[in-house]
N, C-alpha and C. Protein backbone atom coordinates (compact mmCIF):
# COMPACT_ATOMS: atom_id res chain seq x y z
N MET A 1 0.57 -1.25 -0.07
CA MET A 1 -0.09 0.20 -0.39
C MET A 1 1.06 1.73 0.00
N LYS A 2 0.96 2.04 -1.27
CA LYS A 2 1.10 3.63 -1.02
C LYS A 2 0.49 4.67 -0.65
N LEU A 3 1.10 5.30 0.46
CA LEU A 3 0.63 6.79 1.34
C LEU A 3 1.05 7.54 0.33
N LYS A 4 0.35 8.64 -0.10
CA LYS A 4 0.74 10.21 -0.43
C LYS A 4 1.64 10.68 0.42
N ARG A 5 1.76 10.17 1.54
CA ARG A 5 2.51 11.03 2.83
C ARG A 5 2.70 10.38 3.42
N ASN A 6 4.45 10.75 4.63
CA ASN A 6 4.34 9.85 5.66
C ASN A 6 3.71 9.85 6.81
N LEU A 7 3.41 8.56 7.17
CA LEU A 7 1.89 7.92 8.54
C LEU A 7 2.18 7.98 9.47
N LYS A 8 2.37 8.94 11.10
CA LYS A 8 2.62 8.47 12.18
C LYS A 8 1.77 8.16 13.00
N VAL A 9 2.40 6.96 13.53
CA VAL A 9 1.05 6.84 14.29
C VAL A 9 1.43 6.45 15.61
N ALA A 10 0.70 6.16 16.32
CA ALA A 10 1.85 7.14 18.15
C ALA A 10 0.73 5.45 19.04
N ILE A 11 0.96 4.61 19.48
CA ILE A 11 0.80 4.16 20.59
C ILE A 11 0.71 3.74 22.13
N ASP A 12 0.59 3.57 22.96
CA ASP A 12 0.78 3.83 24.23
C ASP A 12 -0.03 2.59 25.22
N SER A 13 0.82 2.25 25.80
CA SER A 13 -0.09 1.27 26.69
C SER A 13 0.43 0.45 28.12
N PRO A 14 -0.27 0.25 29.12
CA PRO A 14 0.76 -0.98 30.11
C PRO A 14 1.02 -1.86 29.29
N ALA A 15 2.15 -2.70 30.10
CA ALA A 15 2.32 -3.77 29.93
C ALA A 15 1.33 -4.89 29.16
N ALA A 16 2.24 -6.12 28.34
CA ALA A 16 1.76 -7.35 27.84
C ALA A 16 0.22 -6.95 27.37
N ALA A 17 0.30 -5.52 27.08
CA ALA A 17 -1.33 -5.04 26.65
C ALA A 17 -2.01 -5.87 24.97
N GLY A 18 -0.65 -6.24 24.40
CA GLY A 18 -0.71 -6.43 22.65
C GLY A 18 -0.26 -5.48 21.96
N ALA A 19 -0.21 -4.04 22.25
CA ALA A 19 0.08 -2.90 21.61
C ALA A 19 1.67 -3.30 20.95
N GLY A 20 2.32 -3.91 20.94
CA GLY A 20 3.09 -4.26 20.42
C GLY A 20 3.02 -5.26 19.51
N THR A 21 1.80 -6.28 19.77
CA THR A 21 1.75 -7.01 18.31
C THR A 21 1.05 -6.11 17.53
N GLN A 22 -0.21 -5.23 17.77
CA GLN A 22 -0.90 -4.58 16.86
C GLN A 22 -0.25 -3.79 15.93
N ALA A 23 0.98 -3.53 16.83
CA ALA A 23 2.08 -2.29 15.86
C ALA A 23 2.38 -2.58 14.66
N LYS A 24 2.91 -3.82 15.42
CA LYS A 24 3.75 -4.43 14.14
C LYS A 24 2.57 -5.28 13.14
N LEU A 25 1.54 -5.38 13.25
CA LEU A 25 0.43 -5.41 12.37
C LEU A 25 0.63 -4.48 11.62
N ILE A 26 -0.09 -3.35 12.16
CA ILE A 26 -0.01 -1.67 11.65
C ILE A 26 1.07 -2.16 10.85
N SER A 27 1.89 -1.96 11.17
CA SER A 27 3.84 -1.56 10.61
C SER A 27 3.33 -2.20 9.13
N LYS A 28 2.99 -3.77 9.26
CA LYS A 28 3.51 -4.40 8.13
C LYS A 28 2.69 -4.33 6.97
N HIS A 29 1.00 -4.08 7.56
CA HIS A 29 -0.10 -4.17 5.95
C HIS A 29 0.48 -2.36 5.51
N TYR A 30 0.80 -1.35 6.33
CA TYR A 30 1.11 -0.14 5.96
C TYR A 30 2.20 0.15 5.05
N LYS A 31 3.21 -0.57 5.62
CA LYS A 31 4.95 0.19 4.92
C LYS A 31 5.07 0.77 6.40
N LEU A 32 4.97 0.61 7.09
CA LEU A 32 5.72 1.51 8.31
C LEU A 32 6.87 1.24 8.67
N LEU A 33 7.86 2.01 9.48
CA LEU A 33 8.91 1.56 10.21
C LEU A 33 8.42 1.92 11.78
N TYR A 34 8.73 0.42 12.38
CA TYR A 34 7.82 -0.10 13.24
C TYR A 34 8.81 0.28 14.61
N LEU A 35 9.12 0.99 15.56
CA LEU A 35 10.03 0.76 16.76
C LEU A 35 9.19 0.47 18.25
N ASP A 36 10.04 -0.34 18.93
CA ASP A 36 9.12 -1.06 20.43
C ASP A 36 9.85 0.21 21.15
N THR A 37 9.53 0.95 21.29
CA THR A 37 10.66 1.83 22.55
C THR A 37 10.93 1.34 24.15
N GLY A 38 10.03 0.47 24.73
CA GLY A 38 10.36 0.01 25.35
C GLY A 38 11.56 -0.86 25.40
N LYS A 39 11.57 -1.09 24.51
CA LYS A 39 12.80 -2.57 24.15
C LYS A 39 14.13 -1.58 23.89
N ILE A 40 14.28 -0.66 23.32
CA ILE A 40 15.27 0.33 23.94
C ILE A 40 15.90 0.50 25.26
N TYR A 41 15.20 0.66 26.10
CA TYR A 41 15.60 0.29 27.94
C TYR A 41 15.37 -1.21 28.61
N ARG A 42 14.78 -2.14 27.51
CA ARG A 42 14.71 -3.11 27.83
C ARG A 42 15.96 -3.48 27.64
N LEU A 43 16.37 -3.46 26.23
CA LEU A 43 18.24 -3.63 25.68
C LEU A 43 19.29 -2.90 26.36
N LEU A 44 19.28 -1.87 27.39
CA LEU A 44 20.31 -1.15 28.12
C LEU A 44 20.32 -2.34 29.66
N GLY A 45 18.75 -1.67 29.99
CA GLY A 45 18.94 -2.99 31.38
C GLY A 45 19.51 -4.57 31.44
N TYR A 46 19.22 -5.34 29.93
CA TYR A 46 20.39 -6.34 29.54
C TYR A 46 21.95 -5.94 29.65
N TYR A 47 22.19 -5.15 28.60
CA TYR A 47 23.65 -3.97 28.91
C TYR A 47 23.95 -4.15 30.47
N LYS A 48 23.47 -3.81 31.42
CA LYS A 48 23.74 -3.35 32.55
C LYS A 48 24.25 -5.33 33.48
N ILE A 49 22.68 -5.74 33.25
CA ILE A 49 23.08 -6.70 33.75
C ILE A 49 23.88 -7.75 33.29
N LYS A 50 24.81 -7.14 32.21
CA LYS A 50 25.88 -8.16 31.36
C LYS A 50 26.78 -7.27 31.72
N ASN A 51 26.95 -6.35 31.53
CA ASN A 51 28.06 -5.50 31.69
C ASN A 51 28.30 -4.46 32.94
N SER A 52 27.84 -4.89 33.61
CA SER A 52 28.04 -4.38 35.24
C SER A 52 29.09 -3.42 35.22
N LYS A 53 30.02 -3.90 35.25
CA LYS A 53 31.33 -3.13 35.90
C LYS A 53 31.35 -1.53 34.93
N LYS A 54 31.46 -2.25 33.29
CA LYS A 54 31.61 -1.24 32.31
C LYS A 54 30.66 -0.18 32.21
N PHE A 55 29.44 -0.39 32.75
CA PHE A 55 28.09 -0.03 32.36
C PHE A 55 28.10 1.75 33.28
N SER A 56 28.31 2.59 32.27
CA SER A 56 28.88 4.02 32.65
C SER A 56 27.80 4.95 32.01
N SER A 57 28.08 6.62 31.67
CA SER A 57 27.19 6.62 31.06
C SER A 57 27.80 7.31 29.71
N SER A 58 29.04 7.08 29.45
CA SER A 58 29.74 6.76 28.22
C SER A 58 29.69 5.61 27.59
N PHE A 59 29.53 4.66 28.32
CA PHE A 59 28.90 3.21 27.75
C PHE A 59 27.63 3.49 27.35
N ILE A 60 26.61 3.90 27.81
CA ILE A 60 25.27 4.40 27.35
C ILE A 60 25.52 4.72 25.83
N ILE A 61 26.28 5.81 25.62
CA ILE A 61 26.32 6.81 25.13
C ILE A 61 26.58 6.16 23.53
N ASN A 62 27.74 5.16 24.33
CA ASN A 62 27.96 4.68 22.50
C ASN A 62 26.96 3.93 22.40
N LYS A 63 26.21 3.00 22.96
CA LYS A 63 25.37 2.02 22.60
C LYS A 63 24.68 2.31 21.66
N ILE A 64 23.57 4.13 22.37
CA ILE A 64 22.91 4.87 21.57
C ILE A 64 23.43 4.75 20.42
N LYS A 65 24.28 5.08 20.12
CA LYS A 65 24.97 5.64 18.53
C LYS A 65 24.95 4.86 17.46
N LYS A 66 25.39 3.28 18.86
CA LYS A 66 25.63 2.43 17.47
C LYS A 66 24.16 1.44 17.32
N LEU A 67 22.81 1.76 18.09
CA LEU A 67 21.84 1.00 18.05
C LEU A 67 21.20 0.58 16.65
N LYS A 68 20.50 -0.48 16.71
CA LYS A 68 19.67 -0.56 15.36
C LYS A 68 18.59 -1.31 15.85
N ILE A 69 17.66 -1.00 14.89
CA ILE A 69 16.55 -1.60 15.39
C ILE A 69 16.41 -3.04 15.34
N THR A 70 17.81 -3.52 14.54
CA THR A 70 17.56 -4.69 14.58
C THR A 70 18.09 -5.33 16.31
N ASP A 71 18.97 -4.87 16.84
CA ASP A 71 19.27 -5.12 17.91
C ASP A 71 18.21 -5.15 19.15
N LEU A 72 16.39 -4.85 18.76
CA LEU A 72 15.55 -4.63 19.86
C LEU A 72 15.04 -6.61 19.82
N LYS A 73 15.74 -7.39 18.85
CA LYS A 73 14.98 -8.47 18.75
C LYS A 73 15.14 -9.72 19.75
N ASN A 74 16.12 -9.76 20.45
CA ASN A 74 16.61 -10.70 21.49
C ASN A 74 15.34 -10.90 22.29
N LYS A 75 15.45 -12.26 22.45
CA LYS A 75 14.44 -12.15 22.90
C LYS A 75 14.32 -12.28 25.13
N LYS A 76 15.96 -12.43 24.56
CA LYS A 76 16.19 -12.38 26.21
C LYS A 76 16.30 -10.91 27.25
N LEU A 77 15.59 -9.92 26.01
CA LEU A 77 15.27 -8.84 26.75
C LEU A 77 13.99 -8.73 27.61
N LEU A 78 12.98 -9.93 27.54
CA LEU A 78 11.90 -10.24 27.67
C LEU A 78 11.70 -10.62 29.19
N THR A 79 12.90 -11.32 29.59
CA THR A 79 12.46 -11.87 30.73
C THR A 79 12.38 -10.35 32.12
N ASN A 80 12.26 -11.04 33.56
CA ASN A 80 11.21 -10.20 34.74
C ASN A 80 12.66 -9.09 34.40
N GLU A 81 14.01 -9.88 34.69
CA GLU A 81 14.94 -9.25 35.20
C GLU A 81 15.71 -8.49 34.75
N VAL A 82 15.71 -7.94 33.21
CA VAL A 82 16.04 -7.32 32.47
C VAL A 82 14.53 -6.09 32.41
N GLY A 83 13.34 -6.76 32.92
CA GLY A 83 12.36 -5.21 32.74
C GLY A 83 12.18 -4.40 34.09
N VAL A 84 13.53 -5.24 35.28
CA VAL A 84 13.41 -4.35 36.38
C VAL A 84 14.34 -3.39 36.06
N ALA A 85 15.15 -3.84 35.98
CA ALA A 85 16.52 -3.30 35.23
C ALA A 85 16.40 -1.90 34.46
N ALA A 86 15.42 -2.81 33.12
CA ALA A 86 15.00 -1.13 31.99
C ALA A 86 14.31 -0.17 32.97
N SER A 87 13.62 -0.64 34.46
CA SER A 87 12.33 0.49 34.62
C SER A 87 13.47 1.51 35.32
N ILE A 88 14.23 1.15 36.08
CA ILE A 88 14.84 1.96 36.93
C ILE A 88 16.43 2.84 35.78
N ILE A 89 16.38 2.14 34.60
CA ILE A 89 17.12 2.86 33.60
C ILE A 89 16.49 4.24 32.99
N ALA A 90 15.16 4.02 33.13
CA ALA A 90 14.32 4.55 32.13
C ALA A 90 14.25 5.74 33.20
N LYS A 91 14.23 5.76 34.30
CA LYS A 91 14.02 6.92 35.24
C LYS A 91 15.06 8.24 35.57
N ASN A 92 15.84 7.65 34.56
CA ASN A 92 17.24 8.51 34.71
C ASN A 92 17.45 9.19 33.38
N LYS A 93 17.28 10.85 33.10
CA LYS A 93 16.53 12.15 33.22
C LYS A 93 17.76 11.93 31.41
N LYS A 94 19.20 11.97 31.79
CA LYS A 94 19.79 11.85 30.62
C LYS A 94 19.58 10.90 29.73
N ILE A 95 19.05 9.61 29.58
CA ILE A 95 19.43 8.42 29.51
C ILE A 95 18.33 8.58 28.37
N ARG A 96 17.69 9.07 29.79
CA ARG A 96 15.73 9.07 28.51
C ARG A 96 16.27 10.40 27.42
N LYS A 97 16.47 11.36 27.63
CA LYS A 97 16.55 12.37 26.58
C LYS A 97 17.62 11.57 25.53
N LEU A 98 18.62 10.53 25.70
CA LEU A 98 18.98 10.36 24.56
C LEU A 98 18.32 8.97 23.28
N VAL A 99 17.02 8.43 24.28
CA VAL A 99 17.21 7.86 23.39
C VAL A 99 15.29 8.35 22.98
N HIS A 100 15.15 9.60 23.90
CA HIS A 100 14.32 10.18 22.49
C HIS A 100 14.64 10.63 21.34
N ASN A 101 15.57 11.26 22.00
CA ASN A 101 15.79 11.80 20.52
C ASN A 101 16.62 10.88 19.59
N PHE A 102 16.72 8.99 19.72
CA PHE A 102 16.51 8.26 18.55
C PHE A 102 14.76 8.06 18.53
N GLN A 103 14.39 8.20 18.99
CA GLN A 103 12.81 8.09 18.46
C GLN A 103 12.14 8.78 18.08
N ILE A 104 12.53 9.98 18.09
CA ILE A 104 11.95 10.65 17.80
C ILE A 104 12.77 11.27 15.77
N LYS A 105 14.15 10.79 15.90
CA LYS A 105 14.39 10.38 14.54
C LYS A 105 14.11 9.32 13.81
N CYS A 106 13.63 8.40 14.42
CA CYS A 106 12.68 7.13 13.56
C CYS A 106 11.38 7.84 13.59
N ALA A 107 10.63 8.27 14.31
CA ALA A 107 9.16 8.76 14.22
C ALA A 107 9.32 9.50 12.83
N TYR A 108 9.89 10.47 13.21
CA TYR A 108 10.05 11.72 11.87
C TYR A 108 11.03 11.36 10.26
N ASN A 109 12.17 10.84 10.57
CA ASN A 109 12.78 10.52 9.63
C ASN A 109 13.03 8.85 8.93
N PRO A 110 12.09 8.32 8.59
CA PRO A 110 11.80 6.83 8.79
C PRO A 110 12.87 6.88 7.51
N PRO A 111 13.66 5.65 6.85
CA PRO A 111 13.85 5.10 6.02
C PRO A 111 13.06 5.66 4.56
N LYS A 112 13.55 5.78 3.56
CA LYS A 112 12.74 6.33 2.61
C LYS A 112 11.88 5.06 2.35
N LYS A 113 12.11 3.56 2.74
CA LYS A 113 11.46 2.11 1.84
C LYS A 113 10.35 2.10 2.80
N TYR A 114 10.01 3.29 3.73
CA TYR A 114 8.47 2.74 4.91
C TYR A 114 7.72 3.95 4.17
N ASN A 115 6.45 4.14 4.34
CA ASN A 115 5.13 4.85 4.30
C ASN A 115 5.50 5.82 5.54
N GLY A 116 6.53 5.90 6.33
CA GLY A 116 5.68 6.69 7.08
C GLY A 116 6.57 5.74 8.90
N SER A 117 6.07 5.83 10.23
CA SER A 117 6.65 5.42 10.93
C SER A 117 5.06 4.65 12.19
N CYS A 118 5.57 4.11 13.04
CA CYS A 118 4.51 3.76 14.25
C CYS A 118 5.73 2.84 15.47
N LEU A 119 5.25 3.76 16.32
CA LEU A 119 5.68 3.36 17.54
C LEU A 119 4.63 3.27 18.85
N ASP A 120 5.53 2.06 19.76
CA ASP A 120 4.60 1.92 20.62
C ASP A 120 5.06 2.13 22.17
N GLY A 121 4.78 2.33 23.20
CA GLY A 121 5.32 3.20 23.95
C GLY A 121 4.76 3.42 25.51
N ARG A 122 4.78 4.75 26.23
CA ARG A 122 4.35 4.67 27.69
C ARG A 122 4.17 6.40 27.09
N ASP A 123 5.21 6.54 26.25
CA ASP A 123 4.71 8.45 26.16
C ASP A 123 4.58 9.11 25.27
N ILE A 124 4.25 7.75 23.99
CA ILE A 124 4.49 8.46 22.50
C ILE A 124 3.50 9.03 22.48
N THR A 125 2.04 9.55 22.95
CA THR A 125 1.47 9.82 21.80
C THR A 125 1.53 11.30 22.47
N TYR A 126 2.21 11.71 23.54
CA TYR A 126 2.22 12.91 24.09
C TYR A 126 3.51 13.63 24.29
N LYS A 127 4.54 12.45 24.21
CA LYS A 127 6.47 13.26 24.40
C LYS A 127 6.82 13.16 22.92
N ILE A 128 6.67 12.13 22.47
CA ILE A 128 7.60 11.47 21.15
C ILE A 128 6.56 12.62 19.74
N ILE A 129 5.83 11.75 20.33
CA ILE A 129 4.91 12.12 18.31
C ILE A 129 3.65 12.58 18.81
N PRO A 130 3.39 13.88 19.36
CA PRO A 130 2.52 14.22 19.70
C PRO A 130 1.54 15.33 18.60
N ASN A 131 2.37 14.81 17.62
CA ASN A 131 0.87 15.66 16.18
C ASN A 131 0.96 14.29 15.41
N ALA A 132 0.83 12.85 15.57
CA ALA A 132 1.05 12.16 15.21
C ALA A 132 -0.50 11.79 14.00
N ASP A 133 -0.96 11.30 13.27
CA ASP A 133 -1.98 11.21 12.53
C ASP A 133 -2.18 10.21 13.61
N PHE A 134 -2.66 9.16 14.10
CA PHE A 134 -3.20 8.50 14.45
C PHE A 134 -2.62 7.84 16.19
N LYS A 135 -3.83 8.40 16.94
CA LYS A 135 -3.00 8.14 18.27
C LYS A 135 -3.62 7.20 19.01
N PHE A 136 -3.19 6.07 19.45
CA PHE A 136 -4.14 4.94 20.10
C PHE A 136 -3.75 4.61 21.86
N PHE A 137 -4.77 4.56 22.30
CA PHE A 137 -4.44 4.08 23.79
C PHE A 137 -4.69 2.17 23.86
N ILE A 138 -3.37 1.88 23.44
CA ILE A 138 -4.38 -0.14 24.09
C ILE A 138 -4.20 -0.61 25.30
N THR A 139 -5.34 -1.24 26.12
CA THR A 139 -5.02 -1.94 26.80
C THR A 139 -6.07 -3.34 27.49
N ALA A 140 -6.02 -3.38 27.79
CA ALA A 140 -6.83 -5.15 29.05
C ALA A 140 -6.65 -5.30 29.98
N SER A 141 -7.95 -6.31 30.43
CA SER A 141 -7.56 -6.18 31.91
C SER A 141 -6.69 -6.73 32.15
N ILE A 142 -5.90 -6.88 33.52
CA ILE A 142 -4.59 -6.88 34.41
C ILE A 142 -4.22 -8.54 34.29
N LYS A 143 -5.78 -9.42 34.29
CA LYS A 143 -5.35 -10.63 34.68
C LYS A 143 -4.69 -11.03 32.76
N THR A 144 -5.58 -10.84 32.30
CA THR A 144 -5.95 -10.96 30.95
C THR A 144 -4.04 -10.84 30.36
N ARG A 145 -3.77 -9.63 30.91
CA ARG A 145 -2.36 -9.41 30.93
C ARG A 145 -1.71 -9.96 31.68
N ALA A 146 -1.74 -10.37 32.56
CA ALA A 146 -0.83 -11.57 33.00
C ALA A 146 -0.68 -12.89 32.86
N LYS A 147 -1.96 -13.00 31.93
CA LYS A 147 -1.85 -14.11 31.56
C LYS A 147 -0.71 -14.47 30.37
N ARG A 148 -1.14 -13.52 29.25
CA ARG A 148 -0.40 -12.84 27.91
C ARG A 148 1.46 -13.27 28.45
N ARG A 149 1.53 -12.64 29.00
CA ARG A 149 3.13 -12.45 29.65
C ARG A 149 3.40 -13.51 30.19
N TYR A 150 2.49 -14.87 31.11
CA TYR A 150 2.96 -15.74 31.70
C TYR A 150 3.40 -16.90 29.99
N LEU A 151 2.45 -16.81 29.95
CA LEU A 151 2.40 -17.19 28.45
C LEU A 151 3.73 -17.48 27.33
N GLU A 152 3.99 -16.10 26.94
CA GLU A 152 4.93 -15.33 26.57
C GLU A 152 6.37 -15.79 27.04
N LEU A 153 5.96 -15.78 28.62
CA LEU A 153 7.49 -16.64 29.47
C LEU A 153 7.68 -17.98 28.83
N LYS A 154 6.27 -18.34 29.44
CA LYS A 154 6.39 -19.96 28.91
C LYS A 154 7.19 -20.34 27.63
N SER A 155 6.86 -20.26 26.58
CA SER A 155 7.16 -20.47 25.57
C SER A 155 8.76 -20.20 25.17
N LEU A 156 9.17 -19.09 26.44
CA LEU A 156 10.51 -19.03 26.26
C LEU A 156 11.24 -20.42 27.10
N ASN A 157 10.51 -20.83 27.65
CA ASN A 157 11.12 -21.83 28.42
C ASN A 157 11.33 -21.35 30.09
N LYS A 158 10.63 -19.97 30.34
CA LYS A 158 11.01 -19.11 31.64
C LYS A 158 9.77 -20.19 32.87
N LYS A 159 10.30 -20.93 33.98
CA LYS A 159 9.67 -21.45 35.09
C LYS A 159 8.92 -20.47 35.96
N ILE A 160 7.76 -20.15 35.25
CA ILE A 160 7.65 -18.47 36.43
C ILE A 160 6.49 -18.48 37.41
N PRO A 161 5.98 -19.16 38.28
CA PRO A 161 4.38 -18.69 38.94
C PRO A 161 3.56 -18.17 37.92
N TYR A 162 2.51 -18.23 37.36
CA TYR A 162 1.13 -16.89 37.34
C TYR A 162 0.96 -15.84 37.29
N ASN A 163 1.23 -16.02 39.58
CA ASN A 163 0.70 -15.06 40.55
C ASN A 163 1.79 -14.09 40.49
N LYS A 164 3.11 -14.73 40.15
CA LYS A 164 4.17 -13.69 40.40
C LYS A 164 4.54 -12.87 39.35
N VAL A 165 4.37 -13.58 38.28
CA VAL A 165 4.03 -12.62 36.43
C VAL A 165 2.61 -11.84 36.50
N LEU A 166 1.72 -12.37 37.96
CA LEU A 166 1.17 -11.15 37.98
C LEU A 166 1.06 -9.92 38.98
N LYS A 167 1.95 -10.47 39.65
CA LYS A 167 2.28 -8.84 41.04
C LYS A 167 3.12 -8.56 39.93
N SER A 168 4.14 -8.77 39.60
CA SER A 168 4.92 -8.01 38.58
C SER A 168 3.99 -6.93 37.56
N ILE A 169 2.95 -7.70 37.15
CA ILE A 169 2.41 -6.84 36.03
C ILE A 169 2.13 -5.18 37.18
N LYS A 170 1.27 -5.80 38.10
CA LYS A 170 1.05 -4.85 38.57
C LYS A 170 2.36 -3.83 39.31
N LYS A 171 3.28 -4.04 39.96
CA LYS A 171 4.42 -2.95 40.22
C LYS A 171 4.67 -2.26 39.27
N ARG A 172 4.42 -3.15 38.11
CA ARG A 172 4.74 -2.13 36.68
C ARG A 172 3.90 -1.50 35.96
N ASP A 173 2.82 -1.90 37.41
CA ASP A 173 1.76 -1.09 36.21
C ASP A 173 2.10 0.86 36.78
N LYS A 174 1.68 0.73 38.49
CA LYS A 174 2.14 1.56 39.26
C LYS A 174 2.89 2.15 38.84
N SER A 175 4.38 1.43 38.86
CA SER A 175 5.14 2.24 38.16
C SER A 175 5.08 2.95 36.68
N ASP A 176 5.08 2.69 35.88
CA ASP A 176 4.70 3.42 35.07
C ASP A 176 3.76 4.78 34.82
N TYR A 177 2.44 4.30 35.74
CA TYR A 177 1.37 5.36 35.97
C TYR A 177 1.58 6.47 36.83
N ASN A 178 2.93 6.03 37.52
CA ASN A 178 3.18 7.43 38.71
C ASN A 178 4.31 7.70 38.55
N ARG A 179 4.82 6.70 37.80
CA ARG A 179 6.90 7.88 37.35
C ARG A 179 6.02 9.39 37.51
N ARG A 180 7.68 10.13 37.78
CA ARG A 180 7.44 11.58 37.41
C ARG A 180 7.64 12.15 36.40
N ILE A 181 8.25 11.05 35.69
CA ILE A 181 9.36 11.67 34.49
C ILE A 181 8.35 11.02 32.65
N SER A 182 7.52 11.27 32.17
CA SER A 182 7.15 10.74 30.59
C SER A 182 6.12 9.40 31.81
N PRO A 183 5.24 9.99 32.71
CA PRO A 183 3.74 8.56 33.05
C PRO A 183 3.43 8.08 31.34
N LEU A 184 3.17 7.22 31.86
CA LEU A 184 1.67 6.56 31.51
C LEU A 184 0.05 7.41 31.51
N LYS A 185 0.22 7.87 30.36
CA LYS A 185 -1.63 7.84 29.95
C LYS A 185 -1.73 8.31 29.31
N ARG A 186 -3.29 8.39 29.33
CA ARG A 186 -4.44 8.83 27.98
C ARG A 186 -4.55 9.55 27.47
N THR A 187 -3.98 9.95 26.27
CA THR A 187 -4.14 11.98 26.24
C THR A 187 -6.08 11.47 25.74
N LYS A 188 -6.13 13.18 25.73
CA LYS A 188 -7.47 13.02 25.20
C LYS A 188 -8.24 12.50 23.69
N ASP A 189 -7.51 12.81 22.81
CA ASP A 189 -6.92 12.46 21.35
C ASP A 189 -6.60 10.78 20.78
N SER A 190 -6.64 10.26 22.35
CA SER A 190 -6.26 8.59 21.86
C SER A 190 -7.19 7.98 21.50
N ILE A 191 -7.57 6.59 20.83
CA ILE A 191 -8.75 6.41 20.84
C ILE A 191 -8.45 4.95 21.88
N LEU A 192 -9.04 4.97 22.57
CA LEU A 192 -9.03 3.61 23.04
C LEU A 192 -9.51 2.43 22.99
N ILE A 193 -8.10 1.16 22.89
CA ILE A 193 -8.91 -0.51 22.11
C ILE A 193 -8.11 -0.97 23.85
N ASN A 194 -9.56 -2.11 23.65
CA ASN A 194 -9.30 -3.02 24.99
C ASN A 194 -8.70 -4.42 23.95
N THR A 195 -7.99 -4.35 24.21
CA THR A 195 -8.31 -6.28 23.60
C THR A 195 -8.74 -6.80 24.83
N THR A 196 -8.91 -7.26 25.51
CA THR A 196 -8.98 -7.88 27.08
C THR A 196 -9.97 -9.41 26.10
N ASN A 197 -10.97 -9.32 25.08
CA ASN A 197 -12.10 -10.64 24.75
C ASN A 197 -11.83 -9.90 22.88
N LEU A 198 -11.05 -9.21 22.59
CA LEU A 198 -10.54 -9.29 20.77
C LEU A 198 -9.32 -10.36 21.11
N SER A 199 -9.49 -10.86 20.29
CA SER A 199 -8.42 -11.89 18.75
C SER A 199 -7.30 -10.80 18.54
N LYS A 200 -6.20 -11.89 18.17
CA LYS A 200 -5.07 -10.54 17.58
C LYS A 200 -5.56 -9.87 16.06
N ARG A 201 -6.25 -10.57 15.78
CA ARG A 201 -6.95 -10.65 14.19
C ARG A 201 -7.67 -9.78 14.36
N ALA A 202 -9.11 -9.74 15.24
CA ALA A 202 -10.41 -8.67 15.69
C ALA A 202 -9.98 -6.84 15.48
N CYS A 203 -8.72 -7.59 16.79
CA CYS A 203 -7.92 -6.19 16.89
C CYS A 203 -7.56 -5.14 16.13
N PHE A 204 -6.80 -6.08 15.11
CA PHE A 204 -6.16 -5.74 14.36
C PHE A 204 -7.02 -4.88 13.06
N LEU A 205 -8.53 -5.87 12.70
CA LEU A 205 -8.83 -5.28 11.88
C LEU A 205 -10.13 -4.41 12.35
N LYS A 206 -10.30 -3.58 13.75
CA LYS A 206 -10.65 -2.83 14.72
C LYS A 206 -10.09 -1.63 14.46
N ILE A 207 -9.15 -1.77 14.46
CA ILE A 207 -7.87 -0.34 14.34
C ILE A 207 -7.84 -0.33 13.28
N LYS A 208 -7.60 -1.37 11.86
CA LYS A 208 -7.37 -0.69 10.19
C LYS A 208 -8.64 -0.32 10.08
N LYS A 209 -9.96 -0.27 10.79
CA LYS A 209 -11.19 0.47 9.81
C LYS A 209 -10.64 1.78 10.12
N ILE A 210 -10.34 1.95 11.47
CA ILE A 210 -10.41 3.71 11.87
C ILE A 210 -9.17 4.03 11.08
N ILE A 211 -8.51 3.44 11.19
CA ILE A 211 -7.35 4.40 10.19
C ILE A 211 -7.84 3.90 8.77
N ASP A 212 -8.35 3.52 7.66
CA ASP A 212 -8.59 3.82 6.86
C ASP A 212 -9.79 4.53 5.66
N LYS A 213 -10.67 4.76 7.44
CA LYS A 213 -12.38 5.79 7.35
C LYS A 213 -11.88 7.38 7.48
N LYS A 214 -10.19 7.16 8.08
CA LYS A 214 -9.71 9.11 8.15
C LYS A 214 -8.53 8.95 6.61
N LEU A 215 -8.11 8.37 6.58
CA LEU A 215 -7.30 8.57 5.16
C LEU A 215 -7.79 8.86 3.78
N LYS A 216 -9.14 7.68 4.15
CA LYS A 216 -9.89 7.95 2.75
C LYS A 216 -10.39 9.29 2.38
N ILE A 217 -11.27 9.31 3.45
CA ILE A 217 -11.72 11.19 4.18
C ILE A 217 -9.97 12.42 3.86
N ASN A 218 -9.23 12.29 4.25
CA ASN A 218 -8.71 12.92 3.72
C ASN A 218 -7.28 13.17 2.42
N GLY A 219 -7.74 11.68 1.87
CA GLY A 219 -7.46 12.06 0.46
C GLY A 219 -6.36 11.32 0.82
N ASN A 220 -5.76 10.19 1.15
CA ASN A 220 -4.36 10.09 1.75
C ASN A 220 -4.06 8.52 1.27
N LEU A 221 -5.03 8.20 0.64
CA LEU A 221 -4.69 6.42 0.11
C LEU A 221 -5.13 6.70 -1.00
């Protein structure tokens, strides 16, 4: 599908709500550059765990400068240990500024082979792409999100009780919604998508219908 101008899609969501899955489907369908912004902090968290003695400001700057989106596909980034390290790193203002610059570059200057960009995270709709063509806030019940994360970890051969995963999701929500720097929140112009009772396909079709309708009205298709 060829669009007449660069399309910018911004998605915010709590952990394990299905935003990443939907962002990937949207990006593939409309040929957009996809960036899972939370994975950047997870990657830095992973580096911190593996290189605790070398982990410093200069180390971080060097890693972000060399960052490639393909680096974010490492399945080891999904562990709870990495998630905890990532949440701590994300509170650092200097690191956030460096990461934000990278995110903004991806959002507004994607490679020419793409029709635009699609980013998902916690502060995308109001901090990274405040003028996005489409803004979505994707969520689901906490039990549904915990079950999804539990099954995801299980598929990676990570033996962790469901109750521990549920506790971790609750703790993550509290941190995301209440942090002083770029907290998770739904903006007034973000479309709410609740995935609790929706299949991946049904959710995608719902979002696609919203996007296509506006693109046709604006003559962008």
